[in-house]
Amino acid sequence: MNMMNMDFKRKLPIPMEVKEMYPLTGDLSDIVEKRTAELKSIFEGKSSKLVLIIGPCSADNEDSVVDYITRLVPVQERVADKLLIVPRVYTNKPRTTGDGYKGLVHQPDPTASPDLFKGIIATRELHMRAVRETGFICADEMLYPENYKYLDDILGYTAVGARSVENQQHRLTASAAGCPAGMKNPTSGDLTVMMNAIMAAQHEHDFIYRGWEGHSYGNPHAHAILRGYVNRQGVTHPNYHYETLLYLAELYAKWDLANPALIVDCNHSNSGKNPFEQPRVLKEVLHSCRHSSDLKQLVKGFMVESYIEDGNQPVGGGIYGKSITDACLGWEKSERLIYEVADLL
């Protein structure tokens, strides 16, 4: 008999059980509802604010992540008329190869063995703590569609990554998400693949999800994220320049999609993974928007990878608030960037 080449270690709690263990209280639920409505109004074009999705590449340590988000609170108050800040709390984030550290949901302690039960609990606790202590709703990546249900009542934003955007289960799960869902261009850079993903996410579907036959109602706030791409030789190329943005606006004009919107990811292949290039990328896009009313209407915000300390370190490096995955922009530079962006708007 052919058997799967794996051990089934234990049955994990279903999302309903985890939510019963860690319920969203009325106060937290109200914050999530109010902030998510504000975020949706930006994607619908009813609000002229821009969204800034900013934070660590990977949420690797609860205390330093909450410390970082807490620092954003007074900054948000000062720029509230121009920007809506959505902290990145990416709890599934692995290294690109998938080897080694796979994110908080796998390893709540990056230096210890994987423990997915503890990881699921740690992930929910971190998102709840962020809302409770700062009043922000946060963004997370939908790396594993089955895990989305553990956080669906508390997330303000979800992103489908460049390696996942062609996957049918990610597209279908995004169609069931109750918050804005960003669909990244694939690593190949083909924008029609991304547009197909947005189309799929905006439509209704019947599909199998966590052992159930389910029906999704479509997500009208599914939208594009441009993150650059990699060519056949493995060389990174940006796709935030004026001509590409105009081409995307033209694509949107041809497709019958609700709420045309773009978030520009300032890191990854748009910066060649040099986090210190992110301010320049962001400012160039704002400059492009000043030259075209179509782009001003289309661009709804930015993603920036930012943490307490500049750069990155190996797992177990021991420097508080320094990324153990992709290099990030440090706090001082990030704070300055937010104020500069607000001044440019």
Protein backbone atom coordinates (compact mmCIF):
# COMPACT_ATOMS: atom_id res chain seq x y z
CA MET A 1 0.00 0.00 0.00
CA ASN A 2 1.31 3.48 -0.86
CA MET A 3 1.35 5.75 2.16
CA MET A 4 2.18 9.47 2.42
CA ASN A 5 5.78 10.12 3.28
CA MET A 6 4.96 12.01 6.50
CA ASP A 7 3.94 11.53 10.12
CA PHE A 8 0.61 12.93 11.32
CA LYS A 9 1.72 14.22 14.73
CA ARG A 10 -1.53 15.49 16.26
CA LYS A 11 -4.92 16.91 15.38
CA LEU A 12 -4.87 20.70 15.63
CA PRO A 13 -7.79 22.75 16.98
CA ILE A 14 -10.17 24.11 14.38
CA PRO A 15 -10.49 27.92 14.06
CA MET A 16 -13.79 27.97 16.01
CA GLU A 17 -12.08 26.33 19.00
CA VAL A 18 -9.16 28.77 18.91
CA LYS A 19 -11.59 31.71 18.71
CA GLU A 20 -13.44 30.32 21.76
CA MET A 21 -10.11 30.14 23.64
CA TYR A 22 -9.14 33.65 22.54
CA PRO A 23 -12.40 35.48 21.79
CA LEU A 24 -12.62 38.93 20.24
CA THR A 25 -14.29 41.11 22.87
CA GLY A 26 -16.86 43.75 21.96
CA ASP A 27 -14.30 46.56 22.22
CA LEU A 28 -11.81 44.86 19.91
CA SER A 29 -14.56 43.87 17.49
CA ASP A 30 -15.71 47.51 17.30
CA ILE A 31 -12.15 48.71 16.52
CA VAL A 32 -11.76 46.11 13.76
CA GLU A 33 -15.14 46.99 12.24
CA LYS A 34 -14.53 50.76 12.33
CA ARG A 35 -10.97 50.64 10.99
CA THR A 36 -11.81 48.09 8.27
CA ALA A 37 -14.67 50.31 7.07
CA GLU A 38 -12.23 53.24 6.91
CA LEU A 39 -9.76 51.12 4.93
CA LYS A 40 -12.46 49.94 2.50
CA SER A 41 -13.55 53.54 1.89
CA ILE A 42 -10.03 54.31 0.61
CA PHE A 43 -10.17 51.38 -1.85
CA GLU A 44 -13.64 52.50 -2.94
CA GLY A 45 -12.35 56.01 -3.67
CA LYS A 46 -14.65 57.58 -1.06
CA SER A 47 -11.66 58.71 1.01
CA SER A 48 -8.67 60.52 -0.49
CA LYS A 49 -6.25 59.19 2.16
CA LEU A 50 -3.48 56.78 1.20
CA VAL A 51 -2.85 53.44 2.91
CA LEU A 52 0.60 52.73 4.33
CA ILE A 53 1.14 49.03 5.08
CA ILE A 54 4.36 49.16 7.07
CA GLY A 55 6.25 46.90 9.43
CA PRO A 56 8.68 44.01 9.74
CA CYS A 57 9.27 41.54 6.91
CA SER A 58 8.37 38.81 9.42
CA ALA A 59 6.66 39.10 12.82
CA ASP A 60 9.31 37.05 14.57
CA ASN A 61 9.05 38.31 18.15
CA GLU A 62 5.84 39.43 19.87
CA ASP A 63 7.42 42.03 22.17
CA SER A 64 9.53 43.80 19.55
CA VAL A 65 6.67 43.72 17.00
CA VAL A 66 4.22 45.29 19.49
CA ASP A 67 6.94 47.79 20.53
CA TYR A 68 7.32 48.75 16.85
CA ILE A 69 3.56 49.10 16.30
CA THR A 70 3.21 51.16 19.50
CA ARG A 71 5.74 53.63 18.09
CA LEU A 72 3.44 54.12 15.09
CA VAL A 73 0.52 55.33 17.28
CA PRO A 74 1.63 58.98 17.80
CA VAL A 75 2.87 59.08 14.18
CA GLN A 76 -0.58 58.00 12.94
CA GLU A 77 -2.21 60.75 15.02
CA ARG A 78 -0.03 63.38 13.36
CA VAL A 79 -0.75 62.20 9.80
CA ALA A 80 -4.37 61.04 10.30
CA ASP A 81 -5.77 63.49 7.73
CA LYS A 82 -3.47 62.13 4.97
CA LEU A 83 -2.56 58.50 5.74
CA LEU A 84 -4.11 55.38 7.23
CA ILE A 85 -1.35 53.21 8.67
CA VAL A 86 -1.87 49.43 8.65
CA PRO A 87 0.99 47.64 10.46
CA ARG A 88 2.46 44.53 8.85
CA VAL A 89 2.14 41.58 11.21
CA TYR A 90 3.32 38.81 8.87
CA THR A 91 3.11 35.66 10.98
CA ASN A 92 3.51 33.05 8.21
CA LYS A 93 6.58 34.61 6.60
CA PRO A 94 9.35 32.13 5.68
CA ARG A 95 12.63 32.62 3.89
CA THR A 96 12.25 32.56 0.08
CA THR A 97 13.46 28.96 -0.24
CA GLY A 98 11.15 27.73 2.54
CA ASP A 99 14.23 26.26 4.24
CA GLY A 100 14.94 27.12 7.88
CA TYR A 101 12.70 29.62 9.71
CA LYS A 102 9.10 29.49 8.45
CA GLY A 103 7.49 32.23 10.50
CA LEU A 104 5.72 32.62 13.84
CA VAL A 105 2.93 30.16 13.00
CA HIS A 106 5.51 27.37 12.64
CA GLN A 107 8.03 28.50 15.25
CA PRO A 108 6.83 30.85 18.00
CA ASP A 109 10.45 30.63 19.19
CA PRO A 110 12.67 30.95 16.08
CA THR A 111 15.53 29.16 17.86
CA ALA A 112 13.39 26.18 18.97
CA SER A 113 11.75 23.28 17.11
CA PRO A 114 8.53 23.88 15.14
CA ASP A 115 5.33 23.78 17.23
CA LEU A 116 2.26 24.53 15.15
CA PHE A 117 -0.24 24.38 17.99
CA LYS A 118 1.72 27.02 19.93
CA GLY A 119 2.23 28.89 16.67
CA ILE A 120 -1.51 29.16 15.91
CA ILE A 121 -2.13 30.47 19.44
CA ALA A 122 0.84 32.88 19.29
CA THR A 123 -0.37 34.25 15.95
CA ARG A 124 -3.87 35.01 17.23
CA GLU A 125 -2.56 36.41 20.50
CA LEU A 126 -0.16 38.75 18.68
CA HIS A 127 -2.86 40.13 16.36
CA MET A 128 -5.25 40.61 19.30
CA ARG A 129 -2.57 42.30 21.40
CA ALA A 130 -1.75 44.68 18.54
CA VAL A 131 -5.39 45.78 18.23
CA ARG A 132 -5.92 45.96 22.01
CA GLU A 133 -2.77 47.96 22.80
CA THR A 134 -2.55 50.24 19.75
CA GLY A 135 -6.00 50.51 18.14
CA PHE A 136 -4.57 49.52 14.74
CA ILE A 137 -5.92 46.77 12.54
CA CYS A 138 -3.08 44.84 10.95
CA ALA A 139 -2.09 43.13 7.71
CA ASP A 140 -0.95 39.54 7.32
CA GLU A 141 0.01 37.43 4.31
CA MET A 142 -2.26 34.59 3.21
CA LEU A 143 0.57 32.14 2.74
CA TYR A 144 -1.52 29.12 3.81
CA PRO A 145 -5.19 29.66 2.85
CA GLU A 146 -6.44 27.14 5.47
CA ASN A 147 -4.90 29.30 8.24
CA TYR A 148 -6.84 32.43 7.24
CA LYS A 149 -9.88 31.34 9.27
CA TYR A 150 -7.86 31.55 12.53
CA LEU A 151 -7.58 35.32 12.01
CA ASP A 152 -10.49 36.30 9.74
CA ASP A 153 -12.34 38.19 12.51
CA ILE A 154 -9.36 40.39 13.43
CA LEU A 155 -7.39 41.06 10.22
CA GLY A 156 -7.76 44.41 8.47
CA TYR A 157 -5.85 43.45 5.33
CA THR A 158 -4.55 40.29 3.68
CA ALA A 159 -2.02 39.89 0.86
CA VAL A 160 -1.57 37.01 -1.58
CA GLY A 161 2.12 36.74 -2.41
CA ALA A 162 3.89 36.56 -5.77
CA ARG A 163 4.43 32.79 -5.51
CA SER A 164 0.83 32.14 -4.40
CA VAL A 165 -1.15 34.39 -6.73
CA GLU A 166 -1.46 31.75 -9.46
CA ASN A 167 -2.78 29.18 -6.99
CA GLN A 168 -6.51 28.50 -7.24
CA GLN A 169 -7.06 27.93 -3.50
CA HIS A 170 -5.51 31.32 -2.65
CA ARG A 171 -7.74 33.05 -5.21
CA LEU A 172 -10.87 31.31 -3.93
CA THR A 173 -10.06 32.01 -0.29
CA ALA A 174 -9.42 35.68 -1.13
CA SER A 175 -12.92 35.75 -2.65
CA ALA A 176 -14.27 34.81 0.79
CA ALA A 177 -12.18 37.34 2.75
CA GLY A 178 -14.10 40.09 4.50
CA CYS A 179 -11.23 42.58 4.28
CA PRO A 180 -9.28 44.10 1.37
CA ALA A 181 -7.09 41.46 -0.31
CA GLY A 182 -4.02 42.49 -2.30
CA MET A 183 -2.99 40.21 -5.16
CA LYS A 184 0.70 40.58 -6.05
CA ASN A 185 2.11 40.28 -9.54
CA PRO A 186 3.85 36.91 -9.95
CA THR A 187 7.65 36.73 -9.78
CA SER A 188 7.64 36.44 -13.61
CA GLY A 189 6.09 39.92 -13.76
CA ASP A 190 3.10 38.97 -15.96
CA LEU A 191 0.43 41.49 -14.99
CA THR A 192 -2.39 39.55 -16.71
CA VAL A 193 -1.82 36.71 -14.20
CA MET A 194 -2.40 39.23 -11.40
CA MET A 195 -5.50 40.62 -13.12
CA ASN A 196 -6.90 37.07 -13.48
CA ALA A 197 -6.33 36.58 -9.75
CA ILE A 198 -8.17 39.82 -8.92
CA MET A 199 -11.02 38.79 -11.22
CA ALA A 200 -11.26 35.39 -9.50
CA ALA A 201 -11.14 36.98 -6.04
CA GLN A 202 -13.93 39.42 -6.89
CA HIS A 203 -16.32 36.68 -8.04
CA GLU A 204 -18.49 34.16 -6.17
CA HIS A 205 -17.32 30.55 -5.95
CA ASP A 206 -18.26 27.13 -4.62
CA PHE A 207 -15.22 25.25 -3.35
CA ILE A 208 -13.82 22.91 -0.70
CA TYR A 209 -12.45 24.73 2.33
CA ARG A 210 -11.22 23.03 5.52
CA GLY A 211 -13.30 19.93 4.74
CA TRP A 212 -16.49 21.90 3.98
CA GLU A 213 -18.32 22.64 0.76
CA GLY A 214 -18.49 26.42 0.89
CA HIS A 215 -19.84 29.33 -1.11
CA SER A 216 -17.97 32.65 -1.25
CA TYR A 217 -19.67 35.89 -2.21
CA GLY A 218 -16.71 37.59 -3.89
CA ASN A 219 -14.44 40.30 -2.52
CA PRO A 220 -15.02 43.70 -4.17
CA HIS A 221 -11.90 45.04 -2.42
CA ALA A 222 -9.47 42.60 -4.08
CA HIS A 223 -6.83 44.71 -5.83
CA ALA A 224 -3.35 44.83 -7.39
CA ILE A 225 0.03 44.95 -5.68
CA LEU A 226 3.10 45.64 -7.84
CA ARG A 227 6.29 44.24 -6.27
CA GLY A 228 8.73 44.06 -9.20
CA TYR A 229 9.78 40.82 -10.87
CA VAL A 230 12.72 38.57 -11.73
CA ASN A 231 13.77 37.76 -15.32
CA ARG A 232 14.97 34.42 -16.70
CA GLN A 233 18.52 35.18 -15.64
CA GLY A 234 17.42 35.83 -12.06
CA VAL A 235 17.93 39.61 -12.33
CA THR A 236 15.41 41.79 -10.48
CA HIS A 237 13.42 44.43 -12.36
CA PRO A 238 11.18 47.12 -10.87
CA ASN A 239 7.61 47.72 -12.05
CA TYR A 240 6.73 50.93 -10.20
CA HIS A 241 7.80 53.32 -13.00
CA TYR A 242 5.35 55.70 -14.67
CA GLU A 243 4.90 53.64 -17.86
CA THR A 244 4.05 50.43 -16.00
CA LEU A 245 1.57 52.22 -13.75
CA LEU A 246 -0.13 53.69 -16.83
CA TYR A 247 -0.22 50.25 -18.44
CA LEU A 248 -1.91 48.87 -15.30
CA ALA A 249 -4.45 51.71 -15.41
CA GLU A 250 -5.19 50.74 -19.02
CA LEU A 251 -5.57 47.07 -18.03
CA TYR A 252 -8.01 48.02 -15.29
CA ALA A 253 -9.99 50.11 -17.80
CA LYS A 254 -10.39 47.01 -20.03
CA TRP A 255 -11.36 44.60 -17.22
CA ASP A 256 -14.75 44.72 -15.59
CA LEU A 257 -13.53 44.97 -11.99
CA ALA A 258 -14.90 46.74 -8.94
CA ASN A 259 -12.84 49.42 -7.17
CA PRO A 260 -9.70 49.65 -9.38
CA ALA A 261 -6.81 50.04 -6.94
CA LEU A 262 -3.06 49.60 -6.65
CA ILE A 263 -0.72 49.21 -3.69
CA VAL A 264 2.96 49.63 -4.60
CA ASP A 265 5.31 47.33 -2.70
CA CYS A 266 8.44 49.45 -2.29
CA ASN A 267 10.70 46.54 -1.36
CA HIS A 268 11.28 43.08 -2.92
CA SER A 269 12.18 43.34 -6.61
CA ASN A 270 11.16 47.02 -6.75
CA SER A 271 14.12 47.89 -4.52
CA GLY A 272 16.34 44.93 -5.41
CA LYS A 273 15.73 43.97 -1.73
CA ASN A 274 17.71 47.04 -0.65
CA PRO A 275 15.43 48.46 2.05
CA PHE A 276 17.11 51.87 1.94
CA GLU A 277 15.81 52.37 -1.62
CA GLN A 278 12.19 52.20 -0.43
CA PRO A 279 11.80 55.96 0.29
CA ARG A 280 13.01 56.79 -3.22
CA VAL A 281 10.61 54.28 -4.81
CA LEU A 282 7.67 55.65 -2.84
CA LYS A 283 8.45 59.27 -3.68
CA GLU A 284 8.84 58.47 -7.39
CA VAL A 285 5.35 56.92 -7.44
CA LEU A 286 3.91 60.01 -5.72
CA HIS A 287 5.66 62.13 -8.37
CA SER A 288 4.05 59.99 -11.11
CA CYS A 289 0.63 60.52 -9.51
CA ARG A 290 1.09 64.29 -9.72
CA HIS A 291 1.53 63.93 -13.50
CA SER A 292 -1.52 61.77 -14.16
CA SER A 293 -5.01 62.01 -12.70
CA ASP A 294 -5.57 58.37 -13.73
CA LEU A 295 -2.64 57.27 -11.58
CA LYS A 296 -3.68 59.52 -8.70
CA GLN A 297 -7.01 57.73 -8.74
CA LEU A 298 -5.49 54.25 -9.09
CA VAL A 299 -2.69 54.35 -6.49
CA LYS A 300 -4.20 53.76 -3.06
CA GLY A 301 -1.04 53.27 -1.05
CA PHE A 302 2.27 51.57 -0.37
CA MET A 303 3.96 48.66 1.39
CA VAL A 304 7.21 49.32 3.26
CA GLU A 305 9.32 46.77 5.13
CA SER A 306 10.43 48.48 8.32
CA TYR A 307 11.52 47.44 11.82
CA ILE A 308 13.24 48.94 14.85
CA GLU A 309 16.80 48.35 13.55
CA ASP A 310 18.16 48.77 10.02
CA GLY A 311 19.04 45.65 8.00
CA ASN A 312 18.74 42.00 9.05
CA GLN A 313 20.55 39.32 11.04
CA PRO A 314 20.75 35.51 11.20
CA VAL A 315 18.21 33.59 13.33
CA GLY A 316 19.45 33.80 16.91
CA GLY A 317 21.49 36.94 16.12
CA GLY A 318 20.25 38.44 19.36
CA ILE A 319 19.71 42.05 18.22
CA TYR A 320 16.32 43.28 19.46
CA GLY A 321 14.01 44.55 16.72
CA LYS A 322 16.23 43.49 13.80
CA SER A 323 14.75 41.35 11.02
CA ILE A 324 15.70 37.67 10.73
CA THR A 325 14.28 37.48 7.19
CA ASP A 326 14.53 40.32 4.60
CA ALA A 327 16.44 43.48 5.53
CA CYS A 328 14.22 46.33 6.78
CA LEU A 329 14.35 50.11 7.07
CA GLY A 330 15.07 51.11 10.69
CA TRP A 331 12.70 53.10 12.89
CA GLU A 332 14.27 56.58 12.60
CA LYS A 333 14.34 56.43 8.79
CA SER A 334 10.80 55.00 8.71
CA GLU A 335 9.36 57.69 10.98
CA ARG A 336 11.02 60.40 8.88
CA LEU A 337 9.65 58.80 5.69
CA ILE A 338 6.06 58.79 7.00
CA TYR A 339 6.21 62.51 7.81
CA GLU A 340 7.82 63.28 4.44
CA VAL A 341 5.06 61.37 2.63
CA ALA A 342 2.36 63.25 4.55
CA ASP A 343 4.02 66.56 3.61
CA LEU A 344 4.02 65.56 -0.07
CA LEU A 345 0.27 64.84 -0.09
